[in-house]
Every structure is written in C-alpha cells, then in structure tokens.
Amino acid sequence: MKIAFFGSSLVSAYWNGAATYYRGIIRALHNLGHEITFYEPDAYGRQENRDIPDPDWARVVVYPGEGETGVRQALAEARGVDLVVKASGVGVFDELLEAAVLELQGPRTRVAFWDVDAPATLDRVQHDPADPFRACIPRYDVIFTYGGGDPVVDAYTALGARLCVPIYNALDPETHHPVPADPRFAVDLAFLGNRLPDREARMESFFLVAAAALPELRFLLGGSGWGDKSMPANVQYVGHVYTRDHNALNCSALAVLNISRDSMARYGFSPATRVFEAAGAGACIITDAWEGIEQFLAPGREILVAENGAEVARILRDLDEPRARAIGEAARQRVLEAHTYAHRAAQVEAVLAGRDASARRATG
C-alpha cells in the first residue's frame, strides 16, 4: 500500500510524545512492504530539535506551520494513495485536516483517524456536541487508537464509528535495547515525562512524595517544563532527554517510573511508549496502577505496581539490584515475544484486510 500519514512529527520527539509510537509503527509497516509518506508541520520548534535525520523507511514532507497553502498542497499530493491517515494532535490545522482528509476518500482510497490521545479526544467531543470532529467520526473507514481497550472502543462506537481498533504502544527492538550503563543516569529511580496539566499532580504524588520519603536515595527527573518546579534536594532535573539517551538512562537507573496521565489512568489499557522502551532495555519498571496492566506485563514478575508515592518508596526500600535485573529481563522477554511494533503492524494489516477477529464493527 501507499500510505499518506498526517501527524505531529516523525523526526522530532521535542514536545511530541507520539514520536516513538509513530516511528515504531511506520518502520514496521515499511518492513512489511508498504510505502509511507509522513506529512508534518514546521511547528513548536520541532524542526530545530530533530533527534533523527529523515529515515530511509519513510519519506518525510515538512510543510509550513502557518498559512494553509502548505497543508493544502500536502493534501493534494496525498490524493490517490491507498490509505490516508490523520493522527490526532498534529498541533496545527487539526480541524482542517480532520475534515479535509475525508475528501480524499474514494473507491481505492480508505481514510483512517489514528487517535494517539483517545481520552482527550473523547472527553472533548462528549462534552461539546458542536465539536466539528464529532460529525466526522462516522465517515472514517476505521478509527485506530493507541490505547484505551473496551472503554475507548465503546465510546467511539457510541459516537458512530464504523470500526474502532486499539493498536497499542510497543517496542522497536532496533531502537530500544540494552546498552552499557552511563554514570550520568546512575540513580535509584528515574522518571521521564513532559510537564502537562493532567500529569503534574500524579507526578507529585508518585515521584516527589517518594523522593521526599527517601532522602538517602537518588532520583532523576527528565522532560520539558519542570525547571521552576520545587523539588526535594535528592532530585536531579536534567531537562529534555533526547531519544538517543533513553537506552542509557533505562539501563543505568536501578528502576524507572511510569506515571500515566489522569485521562489515561481513567480509561485504562493505555501503556505509555515509555513502558515498552524501558522494558526493551531491560529496565525494572515501577508503574502507577491502571486497569489492564496484566494484558501487557505481569505485575510482581515483569513490572512493579504502586498505588501511590508511599508504595513507590516502599518498593524502592526493598528493591536490590539482582531483583531489579530479574524483573527487567523478564519484561524484556515478554515484550519481545508479544509486544513489538512488528506485532502491531501485522495487526494493522489484518484489520485493513478484514482478518482481525478482535476488530469490532458498528452494527445497525
């Protein structure tokens, strides 16, 4: 297939948490023989903060982030391909693209909406019946989501979606894998995450509370936007951590912390990209509790689960290096066997070919 993909950015993870997901899915689809062009806007300083060059597994087209001429030209170029994908959260021209890609639909062109933040999208349209995207939902051939399970599928189906299928985050073993430890990241607990309104309170509860309770241990915080945040003295803030350093960080900390955003935790079945990239590096992961964890990793054996910061502190007090290594290795084996982007790309192919028995079509 020839696929035209409209998303936030493939070449930059700067203020772009979906980058790892896009890269994994698109590289895996390319490996299956598909030809992908990724259209992204020049916006939010992402082009100035690229962390990969244009890849050989996708063609990248960057259009201006201001004025409609560039995005209209990109849409015109995409006409006639086999599949057009509009991802959520492009950041500019979202409303325009949500409607305009549907104009490309035809006998040989299917159009998909790929929701990389379904809880946010659903909350928005459910609370605003006049939201323009609401009327677009029934017109898409398929809605893919990167998480949410039955709650998200049920919600999209109720809004008229023809077909809604979660394509979960996963591991790209070529990108995330074990590497030698790096002294820069040699801490007891590391957390990576940009500062967002529906993450901050949970970060305070799970990370800063644990750090304050364990002044003898070392904590590391990475991600954009936390510079003016008050933190315990044993927390080292390192700012944005580029993708090239994620393996080193995951292999150097005794444990790494996953904290879901409020909306993701509420819907459940929404493992973050960080979970799989950390597991792929053999990291011992401590995660906040959310419904559906066991579908991806076994609590207590492949991942450690905490209800709050006090439990994170208790886990760290009892965690030694041999146990952390054993948990990390078990997680790595599990994701390699069942949760790589090769698995996800095969599922996408099966859905588009009508061969995925798990896909739920709306019934009249």
Foldseek 3Di string as FASTA:
>chain_A
DEEEEEAQDQFFCAVNQCNLVVVQQQLLLLVVPYAYEYEAEPDDCRVVHGPHDQDPSYHYDYFYLDDCPRVVVSLVVPAPGQEYEYEPDSPGCNLVVLPSNLVSDDPRYAYEYEYAPLLVVLVVCVVPVPPSNLVSQQSHPEYEYQWQPPVSQVSSVVSNHQWYYYLHAAADLVQFAADDADVVQQFAEEEEDADDPQQVVQCCWAPQLLCVVCVVTAYEYEYADCPPPDGDPRYHYDYHDRSNCLLNNLNRYLAYEDEDGPSCQVSFGHDRNSLRSSLRNLFAYEYEDHPPPVVQADDPQQHDYDPTNVRVNVCSVPDDNVSRNRNSPRSNVRRVVAGGSNNSNVVVVCVVVVNDPVMDGRDD
